[in-house]
Amino acid sequence: MVSRYFAKIVEQENINLEVAVKVRDLRENMSMSQRAFANLIGKPQSTIARIENGSMNASTKVLSEIAQATNQRLTIQFSPAF
């Protein structure tokens, strides 16, 4: 039971880190500060900071708002676990 719980935590952390890297890369490719990016998205700078440092479980709603505001397409992909 404990190992299943631990596995779920690890998986969520991996997802958070992957999202963090993608959002940071998008922002940096746009040559924007966190504050300017947050203003574009319509979110507080602290939200962008939490996403980028992996401490926030970003919802599909927030990710969709980021995609729309930056003219990107949000795709969600499932792949086999290791």
PDB file of N, CA and C in Angstrom:
ATOM      1  N   MET A   1       0.826  -1.196   0.000  1.00  0.00           N
ATOM      2  CA  MET A   1       0.000   0.000   0.000  1.00  0.00           C
ATOM      3  C   MET A   1       0.866   1.255   0.000  1.00  0.00           C
ATOM      4  N   VAL A   2       1.901   1.280   0.818  1.00  0.00           N
ATOM      5  CA  VAL A   2       2.780   2.445   0.896  1.00  0.00           C
ATOM      6  C   VAL A   2       3.496   2.666  -0.427  1.00  0.00           C
ATOM      7  N   SER A   3       3.973   1.589  -1.057  1.00  0.00           N
ATOM      8  CA  SER A   3       4.698   1.751  -2.317  1.00  0.00           C
ATOM      9  C   SER A   3       3.790   2.285  -3.421  1.00  0.00           C
ATOM     10  N   ARG A   4       2.519   1.937  -3.424  1.00  0.00           N
ATOM     11  CA  ARG A   4       1.578   2.454  -4.413  1.00  0.00           C
ATOM     12  C   ARG A   4       1.375   3.962  -4.209  1.00  0.00           C
ATOM     13  N   TYR A   5       1.264   4.361  -2.954  1.00  0.00           N
ATOM     14  CA  TYR A   5       1.123   5.773  -2.618  1.00  0.00           C
ATOM     15  C   TYR A   5       2.373   6.547  -3.054  1.00  0.00           C
ATOM     16  N   PHE A   6       3.527   5.997  -2.742  1.00  0.00           N
ATOM     17  CA  PHE A   6       4.795   6.620  -3.121  1.00  0.00           C
ATOM     18  C   PHE A   6       4.906   6.736  -4.640  1.00  0.00           C
ATOM     19  N   ALA A   7       4.509   5.707  -5.356  1.00  0.00           N
ATOM     20  CA  ALA A   7       4.567   5.714  -6.816  1.00  0.00           C
ATOM     21  C   ALA A   7       3.683   6.826  -7.387  1.00  0.00           C
ATOM     22  N   LYS A   8       2.511   7.053  -6.789  1.00  0.00           N
ATOM     23  CA  LYS A   8       1.626   8.122  -7.265  1.00  0.00           C
ATOM     24  C   LYS A   8       2.251   9.493  -7.037  1.00  0.00           C
ATOM     25  N   ILE A   9       2.894   9.666  -5.900  1.00  0.00           N
ATOM     26  CA  ILE A   9       3.555  10.937  -5.602  1.00  0.00           C
ATOM     27  C   ILE A   9       4.688  11.186  -6.595  1.00  0.00           C
ATOM     28  N   VAL A  10       5.485  10.170  -6.841  1.00  0.00           N
ATOM     29  CA  VAL A  10       6.604  10.303  -7.777  1.00  0.00           C
ATOM     30  C   VAL A  10       6.084  10.624  -9.170  1.00  0.00           C
ATOM     31  N   GLU A  11       5.042   9.966  -9.606  1.00  0.00           N
ATOM     32  CA  GLU A  11       4.476  10.212 -10.934  1.00  0.00           C
ATOM     33  C   GLU A  11       3.975  11.653 -11.051  1.00  0.00           C
ATOM     34  N   GLN A  12       3.296  12.154 -10.011  1.00  0.00           N
ATOM     35  CA  GLN A  12       2.801  13.536 -10.051  1.00  0.00           C
ATOM     36  C   GLN A  12       3.966  14.519 -10.093  1.00  0.00           C
ATOM     37  N   GLU A  13       5.007  14.252  -9.341  1.00  0.00           N
ATOM     38  CA  GLU A  13       6.185  15.128  -9.363  1.00  0.00           C
ATOM     39  C   GLU A  13       6.833  15.139 -10.746  1.00  0.00           C
ATOM     40  N   ASN A  14       6.891  13.980 -11.387  1.00  0.00           N
ATOM     41  CA  ASN A  14       7.441  13.908 -12.749  1.00  0.00           C
ATOM     42  C   ASN A  14       6.601  14.726 -13.725  1.00  0.00           C
ATOM     43  N   ILE A  15       5.293  14.654 -13.586  1.00  0.00           N
ATOM     44  CA  ILE A  15       4.398  15.435 -14.443  1.00  0.00           C
ATOM     45  C   ILE A  15       4.620  16.922 -14.184  1.00  0.00           C
ATOM     46  N   ASN A  16       4.688  17.308 -12.908  1.00  0.00           N
ATOM     47  CA  ASN A  16       4.895  18.717 -12.562  1.00  0.00           C
ATOM     48  C   ASN A  16       6.201  19.240 -13.153  1.00  0.00           C
ATOM     49  N   LEU A  17       7.256  18.428 -13.087  1.00  0.00           N
ATOM     50  CA  LEU A  17       8.547  18.856 -13.625  1.00  0.00           C
ATOM     51  C   LEU A  17       8.518  18.976 -15.146  1.00  0.00           C
ATOM     52  N   GLU A  18       7.836  18.050 -15.795  1.00  0.00           N
ATOM     53  CA  GLU A  18       7.729  18.126 -17.255  1.00  0.00           C
ATOM     54  C   GLU A  18       6.968  19.385 -17.676  1.00  0.00           C
ATOM     55  N   VAL A  19       5.878  19.668 -16.979  1.00  0.00           N
ATOM     56  CA  VAL A  19       5.103  20.884 -17.263  1.00  0.00           C
ATOM     57  C   VAL A  19       5.954  22.114 -16.979  1.00  0.00           C
ATOM     58  N   ALA A  20       6.696  22.089 -15.873  1.00  0.00           N
ATOM     59  CA  ALA A  20       7.553  23.220 -15.505  1.00  0.00           C
ATOM     60  C   ALA A  20       8.542  23.551 -16.613  1.00  0.00           C
ATOM     61  N   VAL A  21       9.194  22.535 -17.133  1.00  0.00           N
ATOM     62  CA  VAL A  21      10.185  22.740 -18.196  1.00  0.00           C
ATOM     63  C   VAL A  21       9.518  23.282 -19.454  1.00  0.00           C
ATOM     64  N   LYS A  22       8.374  22.720 -19.817  1.00  0.00           N
ATOM     65  CA  LYS A  22       7.682  23.155 -21.042  1.00  0.00           C
ATOM     66  C   LYS A  22       7.228  24.610 -20.943  1.00  0.00           C
ATOM     67  N   VAL A  23       6.663  24.977 -19.799  1.00  0.00           N
ATOM     68  CA  VAL A  23       6.177  26.351 -19.630  1.00  0.00           C
ATOM     69  C   VAL A  23       7.355  27.326 -19.598  1.00  0.00           C
ATOM     70  N   ARG A  24       8.406  26.981 -18.861  1.00  0.00           N
ATOM     71  CA  ARG A  24       9.586  27.859 -18.806  1.00  0.00           C
ATOM     72  C   ARG A  24      10.208  28.020 -20.193  1.00  0.00           C
ATOM     73  N   ASP A  25      10.338  26.912 -20.929  1.00  0.00           N
ATOM     74  CA  ASP A  25      10.907  26.980 -22.279  1.00  0.00           C
ATOM     75  C   ASP A  25      10.055  27.867 -23.186  1.00  0.00           C
ATOM     76  N   LEU A  26       8.743  27.731 -23.103  1.00  0.00           N
ATOM     77  CA  LEU A  26       7.841  28.560 -23.904  1.00  0.00           C
ATOM     78  C   LEU A  26       8.060  30.032 -23.565  1.00  0.00           C
ATOM     79  N   ARG A  27       8.060  30.348 -22.268  1.00  0.00           N
ATOM     80  CA  ARG A  27       8.238  31.740 -21.835  1.00  0.00           C
ATOM     81  C   ARG A  27       9.584  32.296 -22.294  1.00  0.00           C
ATOM     82  N   GLU A  28      10.644  31.508 -22.108  1.00  0.00           N
ATOM     83  CA  GLU A  28      11.976  31.971 -22.503  1.00  0.00           C
ATOM     84  C   GLU A  28      12.095  32.119 -24.019  1.00  0.00           C
ATOM     85  N   ASN A  29      11.476  31.222 -24.781  1.00  0.00           N
ATOM     86  CA  ASN A  29      11.486  31.348 -26.250  1.00  0.00           C
ATOM     87  C   ASN A  29      10.759  32.602 -26.714  1.00  0.00           C
ATOM     88  N   MET A  30       9.840  33.079 -25.895  1.00  0.00           N
ATOM     89  CA  MET A  30       9.121  34.317 -26.196  1.00  0.00           C
ATOM     90  C   MET A  30       9.878  35.536 -25.651  1.00  0.00           C
ATOM     91  N   SER A  31      11.026  35.282 -25.020  1.00  0.00           N
ATOM     92  CA  SER A  31      11.860  36.345 -24.422  1.00  0.00           C
ATOM     93  C   SER A  31      11.071  37.211 -23.453  1.00  0.00           C
ATOM     94  N   MET A  32      10.320  36.547 -22.577  1.00  0.00           N
ATOM     95  CA  MET A  32       9.482  37.267 -21.622  1.00  0.00           C
ATOM     96  C   MET A  32       9.916  36.955 -20.198  1.00  0.00           C
ATOM     97  N   SER A  33       9.772  37.955 -19.340  1.00  0.00           N
ATOM     98  CA  SER A  33       9.962  37.735 -17.904  1.00  0.00           C
ATOM     99  C   SER A  33       8.734  36.981 -17.374  1.00  0.00           C
ATOM    100  N   GLN A  34       8.864  36.440 -16.182  1.00  0.00           N
ATOM    101  CA  GLN A  34       7.699  35.781 -15.582  1.00  0.00           C
ATOM    102  C   GLN A  34       6.547  36.770 -15.430  1.00  0.00           C
ATOM    103  N   ARG A  35       6.854  37.989 -15.036  1.00  0.00           N
ATOM    104  CA  ARG A  35       5.800  38.994 -14.823  1.00  0.00           C
ATOM    105  C   ARG A  35       5.085  39.325 -16.134  1.00  0.00           C
ATOM    106  N   ALA A  36       5.839  39.539 -17.203  1.00  0.00           N
ATOM    107  CA  ALA A  36       5.228  39.862 -18.497  1.00  0.00           C
ATOM    108  C   ALA A  36       4.410  38.670 -19.006  1.00  0.00           C
ATOM    109  N   PHE A  37       4.941  37.463 -18.838  1.00  0.00           N
ATOM    110  CA  PHE A  37       4.240  36.254 -19.261  1.00  0.00           C
ATOM    111  C   PHE A  37       2.944  36.099 -18.476  1.00  0.00           C
ATOM    112  N   ALA A  38       3.018  36.331 -17.176  1.00  0.00           N
ATOM    113  CA  ALA A  38       1.829  36.237 -16.314  1.00  0.00           C
ATOM    114  C   ALA A  38       0.768  37.240 -16.749  1.00  0.00           C
ATOM    115  N   ASN A  39       1.200  38.465 -17.062  1.00  0.00           N
ATOM    116  CA  ASN A  39       0.248  39.483 -17.533  1.00  0.00           C
ATOM    117  C   ASN A  39      -0.419  39.055 -18.828  1.00  0.00           C
ATOM    118  N   LEU A  40       0.356  38.463 -19.730  1.00  0.00           N
ATOM    119  CA  LEU A  40      -0.190  37.969 -20.993  1.00  0.00           C
ATOM    120  C   LEU A  40      -1.240  36.888 -20.739  1.00  0.00           C
ATOM    121  N   ILE A  41      -0.952  36.010 -19.797  1.00  0.00           N
ATOM    122  CA  ILE A  41      -1.856  34.898 -19.493  1.00  0.00           C
ATOM    123  C   ILE A  41      -3.059  35.361 -18.669  1.00  0.00           C
ATOM    124  N   GLY A  42      -2.868  36.426 -17.913  1.00  0.00           N
ATOM    125  CA  GLY A  42      -3.932  36.893 -17.024  1.00  0.00           C
ATOM    126  C   GLY A  42      -3.892  36.214 -15.674  1.00  0.00           C
ATOM    127  N   LYS A  43      -2.688  35.826 -15.259  1.00  0.00           N
ATOM    128  CA  LYS A  43      -2.487  35.167 -13.962  1.00  0.00           C
ATOM    129  C   LYS A  43      -1.455  35.946 -13.166  1.00  0.00           C
ATOM    130  N   PRO A  44      -1.436  35.762 -11.848  1.00  0.00           N
ATOM    131  CA  PRO A  44      -0.379  36.395 -11.056  1.00  0.00           C
ATOM    132  C   PRO A  44       0.995  35.799 -11.385  1.00  0.00           C
ATOM    133  N   GLN A  45       2.033  36.597 -11.241  1.00  0.00           N
ATOM    134  CA  GLN A  45       3.399  36.125 -11.475  1.00  0.00           C
ATOM    135  C   GLN A  45       3.710  34.936 -10.585  1.00  0.00           C
ATOM    136  N   SER A  46       3.163  34.918  -9.379  1.00  0.00           N
ATOM    137  CA  SER A  46       3.420  33.812  -8.443  1.00  0.00           C
ATOM    138  C   SER A  46       2.910  32.478  -8.993  1.00  0.00           C
ATOM    139  N   THR A  47       1.840  32.509  -9.761  1.00  0.00           N
ATOM    140  CA  THR A  47       1.317  31.282 -10.372  1.00  0.00           C
ATOM    141  C   THR A  47       2.316  30.735 -11.389  1.00  0.00           C
ATOM    142  N   ILE A  48       2.869  31.625 -12.214  1.00  0.00           N
ATOM    143  CA  ILE A  48       3.865  31.194 -13.199  1.00  0.00           C
ATOM    144  C   ILE A  48       5.096  30.653 -12.488  1.00  0.00           C
ATOM    145  N   ALA A  49       5.514  31.319 -11.417  1.00  0.00           N
ATOM    146  CA  ALA A  49       6.678  30.862 -10.652  1.00  0.00           C
ATOM    147  C   ALA A  49       6.425  29.471 -10.072  1.00  0.00           C
ATOM    148  N   ARG A  50       5.237  29.235  -9.518  1.00  0.00           N
ATOM    149  CA  ARG A  50       4.926  27.921  -8.939  1.00  0.00           C
ATOM    150  C   ARG A  50       4.867  26.838 -10.009  1.00  0.00           C
ATOM    151  N   ILE A  51       4.340  27.167 -11.183  1.00  0.00           N
ATOM    152  CA  ILE A  51       4.329  26.197 -12.281  1.00  0.00           C
ATOM    153  C   ILE A  51       5.762  25.875 -12.681  1.00  0.00           C
ATOM    154  N   GLU A  52       6.574  26.911 -12.858  1.00  0.00           N
ATOM    155  CA  GLU A  52       7.946  26.722 -13.348  1.00  0.00           C
ATOM    156  C   GLU A  52       8.867  26.044 -12.336  1.00  0.00           C
ATOM    157  N   ASN A  53       8.569  26.147 -11.054  1.00  0.00           N
ATOM    158  CA  ASN A  53       9.431  25.448 -10.093  1.00  0.00           C
ATOM    159  C   ASN A  53       8.873  24.078  -9.719  1.00  0.00           C
ATOM    160  N   GLY A  54       7.781  23.683 -10.363  1.00  0.00           N
ATOM    161  CA  GLY A  54       7.240  22.342 -10.184  1.00  0.00           C
ATOM    162  C   GLY A  54       6.425  22.139  -8.928  1.00  0.00           C
ATOM    163  N   SER A  55       6.106  23.205  -8.221  1.00  0.00           N
ATOM    164  CA  SER A  55       5.376  23.056  -6.963  1.00  0.00           C
ATOM    165  C   SER A  55       3.860  23.141  -7.130  1.00  0.00           C
ATOM    166  N   MET A  56       3.404  23.361  -8.345  1.00  0.00           N
ATOM    167  CA  MET A  56       1.965  23.474  -8.600  1.00  0.00           C
ATOM    168  C   MET A  56       1.509  22.389  -9.558  1.00  0.00           C
ATOM    169  N   ASN A  57       0.410  21.754  -9.220  1.00  0.00           N
ATOM    170  CA  ASN A  57      -0.230  20.820 -10.142  1.00  0.00           C
ATOM    171  C   ASN A  57      -1.079  21.669 -11.092  1.00  0.00           C
ATOM    172  N   ALA A  58      -0.505  22.064 -12.210  1.00  0.00           N
ATOM    173  CA  ALA A  58      -1.212  22.939 -13.146  1.00  0.00           C
ATOM    174  C   ALA A  58      -2.384  22.194 -13.771  1.00  0.00           C
ATOM    175  N   SER A  59      -3.546  22.788 -13.686  1.00  0.00           N
ATOM    176  CA  SER A  59      -4.741  22.163 -14.248  1.00  0.00           C
ATOM    177  C   SER A  59      -4.732  22.289 -15.768  1.00  0.00           C
ATOM    178  N   THR A  60      -5.522  21.462 -16.408  1.00  0.00           N
ATOM    179  CA  THR A  60      -5.650  21.569 -17.862  1.00  0.00           C
ATOM    180  C   THR A  60      -6.260  22.918 -18.230  1.00  0.00           C
ATOM    181  N   LYS A  61      -7.076  23.485 -17.353  1.00  0.00           N
ATOM    182  CA  LYS A  61      -7.661  24.802 -17.604  1.00  0.00           C
ATOM    183  C   LYS A  61      -6.564  25.860 -17.677  1.00  0.00           C
ATOM    184  N   VAL A  62      -5.644  25.867 -16.719  1.00  0.00           N
ATOM    185  CA  VAL A  62      -4.556  26.845 -16.714  1.00  0.00           C
ATOM    186  C   VAL A  62      -3.651  26.624 -17.923  1.00  0.00           C
ATOM    187  N   LEU A  63      -3.327  25.374 -18.215  1.00  0.00           N
ATOM    188  CA  LEU A  63      -2.475  25.083 -19.368  1.00  0.00           C
ATOM    189  C   LEU A  63      -3.153  25.500 -20.670  1.00  0.00           C
ATOM    190  N   SER A  64      -4.459  25.318 -20.745  1.00  0.00           N
ATOM    191  CA  SER A  64      -5.214  25.745 -21.923  1.00  0.00           C
ATOM    192  C   SER A  64      -5.200  27.269 -22.057  1.00  0.00           C
ATOM    193  N   GLU A  65      -5.306  27.976 -20.940  1.00  0.00           N
ATOM    194  CA  GLU A  65      -5.244  29.434 -20.959  1.00  0.00           C
ATOM    195  C   GLU A  65      -3.861  29.904 -21.437  1.00  0.00           C
ATOM    196  N   ILE A  66      -2.814  29.218 -20.995  1.00  0.00           N
ATOM    197  CA  ILE A  66      -1.460  29.542 -21.443  1.00  0.00           C
ATOM    198  C   ILE A  66      -1.356  29.318 -22.952  1.00  0.00           C
ATOM    199  N   ALA A  67      -1.857  28.181 -23.409  1.00  0.00           N
ATOM    200  CA  ALA A  67      -1.791  27.860 -24.838  1.00  0.00           C
ATOM    201  C   ALA A  67      -2.536  28.901 -25.668  1.00  0.00           C
ATOM    202  N   GLN A  68      -3.730  29.248 -25.260  1.00  0.00           N
ATOM    203  CA  GLN A  68      -4.525  30.225 -26.020  1.00  0.00           C
ATOM    204  C   GLN A  68      -3.850  31.587 -26.056  1.00  0.00           C
ATOM    205  N   ALA A  69      -3.343  32.031 -24.909  1.00  0.00           N
ATOM    206  CA  ALA A  69      -2.740  33.362 -24.829  1.00  0.00           C
ATOM    207  C   ALA A  69      -1.438  33.458 -25.625  1.00  0.00           C
ATOM    208  N   THR A  70      -0.780  32.316 -25.834  1.00  0.00           N
ATOM    209  CA  THR A  70       0.507  32.320 -26.534  1.00  0.00           C
ATOM    210  C   THR A  70       0.410  31.752 -27.951  1.00  0.00           C
ATOM    211  N   ASN A  71      -0.817  31.548 -28.418  1.00  0.00           N
ATOM    212  CA  ASN A  71      -1.040  31.021 -29.774  1.00  0.00           C
ATOM    213  C   ASN A  71      -0.423  29.639 -29.964  1.00  0.00           C
ATOM    214  N   GLN A  72      -0.542  28.815 -28.962  1.00  0.00           N
ATOM    215  CA  GLN A  72      -0.014  27.454 -29.005  1.00  0.00           C
ATOM    216  C   GLN A  72      -1.172  26.466 -28.967  1.00  0.00           C
ATOM    217  N   ARG A  73      -0.873  25.254 -29.313  1.00  0.00           N
ATOM    218  CA  ARG A  73      -1.861  24.185 -29.214  1.00  0.00           C
ATOM    219  C   ARG A  73      -1.459  23.284 -28.059  1.00  0.00           C
ATOM    220  N   LEU A  74      -2.383  23.061 -27.142  1.00  0.00           N
ATOM    221  CA  LEU A  74      -2.140  22.173 -26.011  1.00  0.00           C
ATOM    222  C   LEU A  74      -2.482  20.753 -26.423  1.00  0.00           C
ATOM    223  N   THR A  75      -1.531  19.849 -26.259  1.00  0.00           N
ATOM    224  CA  THR A  75      -1.787  18.436 -26.526  1.00  0.00           C
ATOM    225  C   THR A  75      -1.475  17.656 -25.260  1.00  0.00           C
ATOM    226  N   ILE A  76      -2.274  16.650 -25.023  1.00  0.00           N
ATOM    227  CA  ILE A  76      -2.073  15.769 -23.879  1.00  0.00           C
ATOM    228  C   ILE A  76      -1.816  14.387 -24.438  1.00  0.00           C
ATOM    229  N   GLN A  77      -0.791  13.756 -23.953  1.00  0.00           N
ATOM    230  CA  GLN A  77      -0.368  12.473 -24.507  1.00  0.00           C
ATOM    231  C   GLN A  77      -0.202  11.452 -23.387  1.00  0.00           C
ATOM    232  N   PHE A  78      -0.668  10.261 -23.645  1.00  0.00           N
ATOM    233  CA  PHE A  78      -0.452   9.150 -22.726  1.00  0.00           C
ATOM    234  C   PHE A  78       0.628   8.267 -23.333  1.00  0.00           C
ATOM    235  N   SER A  79       1.536   7.801 -22.496  1.00  0.00           N
ATOM    236  CA  SER A  79       2.578   6.885 -22.968  1.00  0.00           C
ATOM    237  C   SER A  79       2.811   5.824 -21.909  1.00  0.00           C
ATOM    238  N   PRO A  80       3.338   4.688 -22.308  1.00  0.00           N
ATOM    239  CA  PRO A  80       3.529   3.599 -21.361  1.00  0.00           C
ATOM    240  C   PRO A  80       4.451   4.010 -20.208  1.00  0.00           C
ATOM    241  N   ALA A  81       4.114   3.547 -19.033  1.00  0.00           N
ATOM    242  CA  ALA A  81       4.967   3.780 -17.854  1.00  0.00           C
ATOM    243  C   ALA A  81       6.139   2.819 -17.902  1.00  0.00           C
ATOM    244  N   PHE A  82       7.227   3.199 -17.299  1.00  0.00           N
ATOM    245  CA  PHE A  82       8.421   2.362 -17.288  1.00  0.00           C
ATOM    246  C   PHE A  82       8.390   1.393 -16.147  1.00  0.00           C
TER     247      PHE A  82
END
